[in-house]
Amino acid sequence: MSVLIYLLPMALGLGLTGLVGFMWTLRSGQYDDLDGAAVRVLSDDDLAKH
């Protein structure tokens, strides 16, 4: 039972760190254009330049 004294704060700290990281990515706009990257992969624009 004494292990819970160490594991519980560590688990809460890691969860909070993950939540803060996720919130940071939301605020920085990482998920704004989800379809743009999928369309850019299929584009042949770079082949016409050669």
PDB file of N, CA and C in Angstrom:
ATOM      1  N   MET A   1       0.808  -1.205   0.000  1.00  0.00           N
ATOM      2  CA  MET A   1       0.000   0.000   0.000  1.00  0.00           C
ATOM      3  C   MET A   1       0.848   1.265   0.000  1.00  0.00           C
ATOM      4  N   SER A   2       2.066   1.174   0.516  1.00  0.00           N
ATOM      5  CA  SER A   2       2.903   2.377   0.544  1.00  0.00           C
ATOM      6  C   SER A   2       3.376   2.761  -0.860  1.00  0.00           C
ATOM      7  N   VAL A   3       3.276   1.833  -1.811  1.00  0.00           N
ATOM      8  CA  VAL A   3       3.670   2.140  -3.186  1.00  0.00           C
ATOM      9  C   VAL A   3       2.702   3.150  -3.801  1.00  0.00           C
ATOM     10  N   LEU A   4       1.451   3.115  -3.366  1.00  0.00           N
ATOM     11  CA  LEU A   4       0.457   4.055  -3.890  1.00  0.00           C
ATOM     12  C   LEU A   4       0.815   5.499  -3.579  1.00  0.00           C
ATOM     13  N   ILE A   5       1.549   5.716  -2.517  1.00  0.00           N
ATOM     14  CA  ILE A   5       1.960   7.074  -2.161  1.00  0.00           C
ATOM     15  C   ILE A   5       2.842   7.656  -3.260  1.00  0.00           C
ATOM     16  N   TYR A   6       3.599   6.812  -3.943  1.00  0.00           N
ATOM     17  CA  TYR A   6       4.469   7.273  -5.020  1.00  0.00           C
ATOM     18  C   TYR A   6       3.791   7.200  -6.384  1.00  0.00           C
ATOM     19  N   LEU A   7       3.033   6.129  -6.616  1.00  0.00           N
ATOM     20  CA  LEU A   7       2.463   5.924  -7.937  1.00  0.00           C
ATOM     21  C   LEU A   7       1.302   6.857  -8.249  1.00  0.00           C
ATOM     22  N   LEU A   8       0.482   7.154  -7.292  1.00  0.00           N
ATOM     23  CA  LEU A   8      -0.673   8.017  -7.540  1.00  0.00           C
ATOM     24  C   LEU A   8      -0.261   9.423  -7.958  1.00  0.00           C
ATOM     25  N   PRO A   9       0.643  10.107  -7.264  1.00  0.00           N
ATOM     26  CA  PRO A   9       1.069  11.435  -7.741  1.00  0.00           C
ATOM     27  C   PRO A   9       1.804  11.374  -9.087  1.00  0.00           C
ATOM     28  N   MET A  10       2.566  10.306  -9.314  1.00  0.00           N
ATOM     29  CA  MET A  10       3.242  10.179 -10.603  1.00  0.00           C
ATOM     30  C   MET A  10       2.244  10.010 -11.737  1.00  0.00           C
ATOM     31  N   ALA A  11       1.216   9.204 -11.539  1.00  0.00           N
ATOM     32  CA  ALA A  11       0.197   9.000 -12.560  1.00  0.00           C
ATOM     33  C   ALA A  11      -0.580  10.290 -12.818  1.00  0.00           C
ATOM     34  N   LEU A  12      -0.921  11.004 -11.771  1.00  0.00           N
ATOM     35  CA  LEU A  12      -1.622  12.278 -11.948  1.00  0.00           C
ATOM     36  C   LEU A  12      -0.737  13.298 -12.652  1.00  0.00           C
ATOM     37  N   GLY A  13       0.533  13.320 -12.313  1.00  0.00           N
ATOM     38  CA  GLY A  13       1.459  14.254 -12.953  1.00  0.00           C
ATOM     39  C   GLY A  13       1.635  13.958 -14.433  1.00  0.00           C
ATOM     40  N   LEU A  14       1.766  12.678 -14.786  1.00  0.00           N
ATOM     41  CA  LEU A  14       1.909  12.323 -16.193  1.00  0.00           C
ATOM     42  C   LEU A  14       0.626  12.616 -16.974  1.00  0.00           C
ATOM     43  N   GLY A  15      -0.507  12.346 -16.374  1.00  0.00           N
ATOM     44  CA  GLY A  15      -1.778  12.655 -17.032  1.00  0.00           C
ATOM     45  C   GLY A  15      -1.958  14.142 -17.244  1.00  0.00           C
ATOM     46  N   LEU A  16      -1.589  14.927 -16.246  1.00  0.00           N
ATOM     47  CA  LEU A  16      -1.684  16.378 -16.369  1.00  0.00           C
ATOM     48  C   LEU A  16      -0.718  16.904 -17.424  1.00  0.00           C
ATOM     49  N   THR A  17       0.465  16.325 -17.493  1.00  0.00           N
ATOM     50  CA  THR A  17       1.436  16.724 -18.510  1.00  0.00           C
ATOM     51  C   THR A  17       0.907  16.422 -19.910  1.00  0.00           C
ATOM     52  N   GLY A  18       0.302  15.270 -20.094  1.00  0.00           N
ATOM     53  CA  GLY A  18      -0.288  14.929 -21.383  1.00  0.00           C
ATOM     54  C   GLY A  18      -1.439  15.844 -21.749  1.00  0.00           C
ATOM     55  N   LEU A  19      -2.251  16.196 -20.785  1.00  0.00           N
ATOM     56  CA  LEU A  19      -3.369  17.099 -21.032  1.00  0.00           C
ATOM     57  C   LEU A  19      -2.878  18.488 -21.407  1.00  0.00           C
ATOM     58  N   VAL A  20      -1.868  18.983 -20.713  1.00  0.00           N
ATOM     59  CA  VAL A  20      -1.306  20.296 -21.032  1.00  0.00           C
ATOM     60  C   VAL A  20      -0.690  20.279 -22.432  1.00  0.00           C
ATOM     61  N   GLY A  21       0.000  19.202 -22.778  1.00  0.00           N
ATOM     62  CA  GLY A  21       0.573  19.096 -24.119  1.00  0.00           C
ATOM     63  C   GLY A  21      -0.492  19.081 -25.197  1.00  0.00           C
ATOM     64  N   PHE A  22      -1.576  18.367 -24.963  1.00  0.00           N
ATOM     65  CA  PHE A  22      -2.674  18.323 -25.924  1.00  0.00           C
ATOM     66  C   PHE A  22      -3.332  19.684 -26.063  1.00  0.00           C
ATOM     67  N   MET A  23      -3.556  20.361 -24.950  1.00  0.00           N
ATOM     68  CA  MET A  23      -4.154  21.699 -25.011  1.00  0.00           C
ATOM     69  C   MET A  23      -3.245  22.677 -25.755  1.00  0.00           C
ATOM     70  N   TRP A  24      -1.930  22.532 -25.582  1.00  0.00           N
ATOM     71  CA  TRP A  24      -0.974  23.400 -26.289  1.00  0.00           C
ATOM     72  C   TRP A  24      -1.065  23.179 -27.799  1.00  0.00           C
ATOM     73  N   THR A  25      -1.187  21.910 -28.230  1.00  0.00           N
ATOM     74  CA  THR A  25      -1.299  21.653 -29.661  1.00  0.00           C
ATOM     75  C   THR A  25      -2.614  22.187 -30.225  1.00  0.00           C
ATOM     76  N   LEU A  26      -3.670  22.151 -29.438  1.00  0.00           N
ATOM     77  CA  LEU A  26      -4.930  22.728 -29.900  1.00  0.00           C
ATOM     78  C   LEU A  26      -4.812  24.225 -30.087  1.00  0.00           C
ATOM     79  N   ARG A  27      -4.192  24.908 -29.139  1.00  0.00           N
ATOM     80  CA  ARG A  27      -4.068  26.369 -29.224  1.00  0.00           C
ATOM     81  C   ARG A  27      -3.102  26.812 -30.315  1.00  0.00           C
ATOM     82  N   SER A  28      -2.110  25.976 -30.643  1.00  0.00           N
ATOM     83  CA  SER A  28      -1.142  26.377 -31.661  1.00  0.00           C
ATOM     84  C   SER A  28      -1.626  26.061 -33.073  1.00  0.00           C
ATOM     85  N   GLY A  29      -2.775  25.434 -33.217  1.00  0.00           N
ATOM     86  CA  GLY A  29      -3.361  25.207 -34.535  1.00  0.00           C
ATOM     87  C   GLY A  29      -2.868  23.967 -35.238  1.00  0.00           C
ATOM     88  N   GLN A  30      -2.440  22.968 -34.515  1.00  0.00           N
ATOM     89  CA  GLN A  30      -1.936  21.745 -35.136  1.00  0.00           C
ATOM     90  C   GLN A  30      -3.032  20.973 -35.866  1.00  0.00           C
ATOM     91  N   TYR A  31      -4.274  21.121 -35.470  1.00  0.00           N
ATOM     92  CA  TYR A  31      -5.365  20.325 -36.026  1.00  0.00           C
ATOM     93  C   TYR A  31      -6.313  21.154 -36.891  1.00  0.00           C
ATOM     94  N   ASP A  32      -5.878  22.301 -37.370  1.00  0.00           N
ATOM     95  CA  ASP A  32      -6.761  23.176 -38.132  1.00  0.00           C
ATOM     96  C   ASP A  32      -7.049  22.642 -39.530  1.00  0.00           C
ATOM     97  N   ASP A  33      -6.046  22.138 -40.229  1.00  0.00           N
ATOM     98  CA  ASP A  33      -6.212  21.720 -41.617  1.00  0.00           C
ATOM     99  C   ASP A  33      -5.902  20.233 -41.748  1.00  0.00           C
ATOM    100  N   LEU A  34      -6.856  19.389 -41.417  1.00  0.00           N
ATOM    101  CA  LEU A  34      -6.634  17.951 -41.467  1.00  0.00           C
ATOM    102  C   LEU A  34      -6.719  17.405 -42.887  1.00  0.00           C
ATOM    103  N   ASP A  35      -7.515  18.010 -43.747  1.00  0.00           N
ATOM    104  CA  ASP A  35      -7.669  17.512 -45.111  1.00  0.00           C
ATOM    105  C   ASP A  35      -6.589  18.022 -46.048  1.00  0.00           C
ATOM    106  N   GLY A  36      -5.946  19.107 -45.726  1.00  0.00           N
ATOM    107  CA  GLY A  36      -4.939  19.691 -46.604  1.00  0.00           C
ATOM    108  C   GLY A  36      -3.749  18.782 -46.827  1.00  0.00           C
ATOM    109  N   ALA A  37      -3.266  18.138 -45.801  1.00  0.00           N
ATOM    110  CA  ALA A  37      -2.110  17.254 -45.937  1.00  0.00           C
ATOM    111  C   ALA A  37      -2.460  16.034 -46.783  1.00  0.00           C
ATOM    112  N   ALA A  38      -3.657  15.528 -46.662  1.00  0.00           N
ATOM    113  CA  ALA A  38      -4.065  14.370 -47.453  1.00  0.00           C
ATOM    114  C   ALA A  38      -4.160  14.723 -48.928  1.00  0.00           C
ATOM    115  N   VAL A  39      -4.580  15.932 -49.233  1.00  0.00           N
ATOM    116  CA  VAL A  39      -4.693  16.354 -50.624  1.00  0.00           C
ATOM    117  C   VAL A  39      -3.318  16.660 -51.198  1.00  0.00           C
ATOM    118  N   ARG A  40      -2.421  17.221 -50.411  1.00  0.00           N
ATOM    119  CA  ARG A  40      -1.070  17.553 -50.895  1.00  0.00           C
ATOM    120  C   ARG A  40      -0.281  16.298 -51.248  1.00  0.00           C
ATOM    121  N   VAL A  41      -0.532  15.192 -50.581  1.00  0.00           N
ATOM    122  CA  VAL A  41       0.171  13.952 -50.895  1.00  0.00           C
ATOM    123  C   VAL A  41      -0.185  13.485 -52.299  1.00  0.00           C
ATOM    124  N   LEU A  42      -1.417  13.678 -52.707  1.00  0.00           N
ATOM    125  CA  LEU A  42      -1.879  13.210 -54.005  1.00  0.00           C
ATOM    126  C   LEU A  42      -1.568  14.176 -55.144  1.00  0.00           C
ATOM    127  N   SER A  43      -1.048  15.338 -54.840  1.00  0.00           N
ATOM    128  CA  SER A  43      -0.774  16.350 -55.853  1.00  0.00           C
ATOM    129  C   SER A  43       0.439  15.970 -56.690  1.00  0.00           C
ATOM    130  N   ASP A  44       0.365  16.224 -58.000  1.00  0.00           N
ATOM    131  CA  ASP A  44       1.467  15.949 -58.923  1.00  0.00           C
ATOM    132  C   ASP A  44       2.176  17.220 -59.348  1.00  0.00           C
ATOM    133  N   ASP A  45       2.033  18.303 -58.615  1.00  0.00           N
ATOM    134  CA  ASP A  45       2.633  19.575 -59.011  1.00  0.00           C
ATOM    135  C   ASP A  45       4.147  19.514 -59.065  1.00  0.00           C
ATOM    136  N   ASP A  46       4.776  18.781 -58.190  1.00  0.00           N
ATOM    137  CA  ASP A  46       6.232  18.740 -58.164  1.00  0.00           C
ATOM    138  C   ASP A  46       6.807  17.926 -59.338  1.00  0.00           C
ATOM    139  N   LEU A  47       6.021  17.045 -59.933  1.00  0.00           N
ATOM    140  CA  LEU A  47       6.501  16.266 -61.064  1.00  0.00           C
ATOM    141  C   LEU A  47       6.541  17.089 -62.351  1.00  0.00           C
ATOM    142  N   ALA A  48       5.701  18.074 -62.491  1.00  0.00           N
ATOM    143  CA  ALA A  48       5.641  18.895 -63.698  1.00  0.00           C
ATOM    144  C   ALA A  48       6.830  19.859 -63.787  1.00  0.00           C
ATOM    145  N   LYS A  49       7.483  20.172 -62.700  1.00  0.00           N
ATOM    146  CA  LYS A  49       8.589  21.129 -62.689  1.00  0.00           C
ATOM    147  C   LYS A  49       9.858  20.539 -63.245  1.00  0.00           C
ATOM    148  N   HIS A  50      10.023  19.233 -63.283  1.00  0.00           N
ATOM    149  CA  HIS A  50      11.275  18.614 -63.724  1.00  0.00           C
ATOM    150  C   HIS A  50      11.359  18.464 -65.180  1.00  0.00           C
TER     151      HIS A  50
END
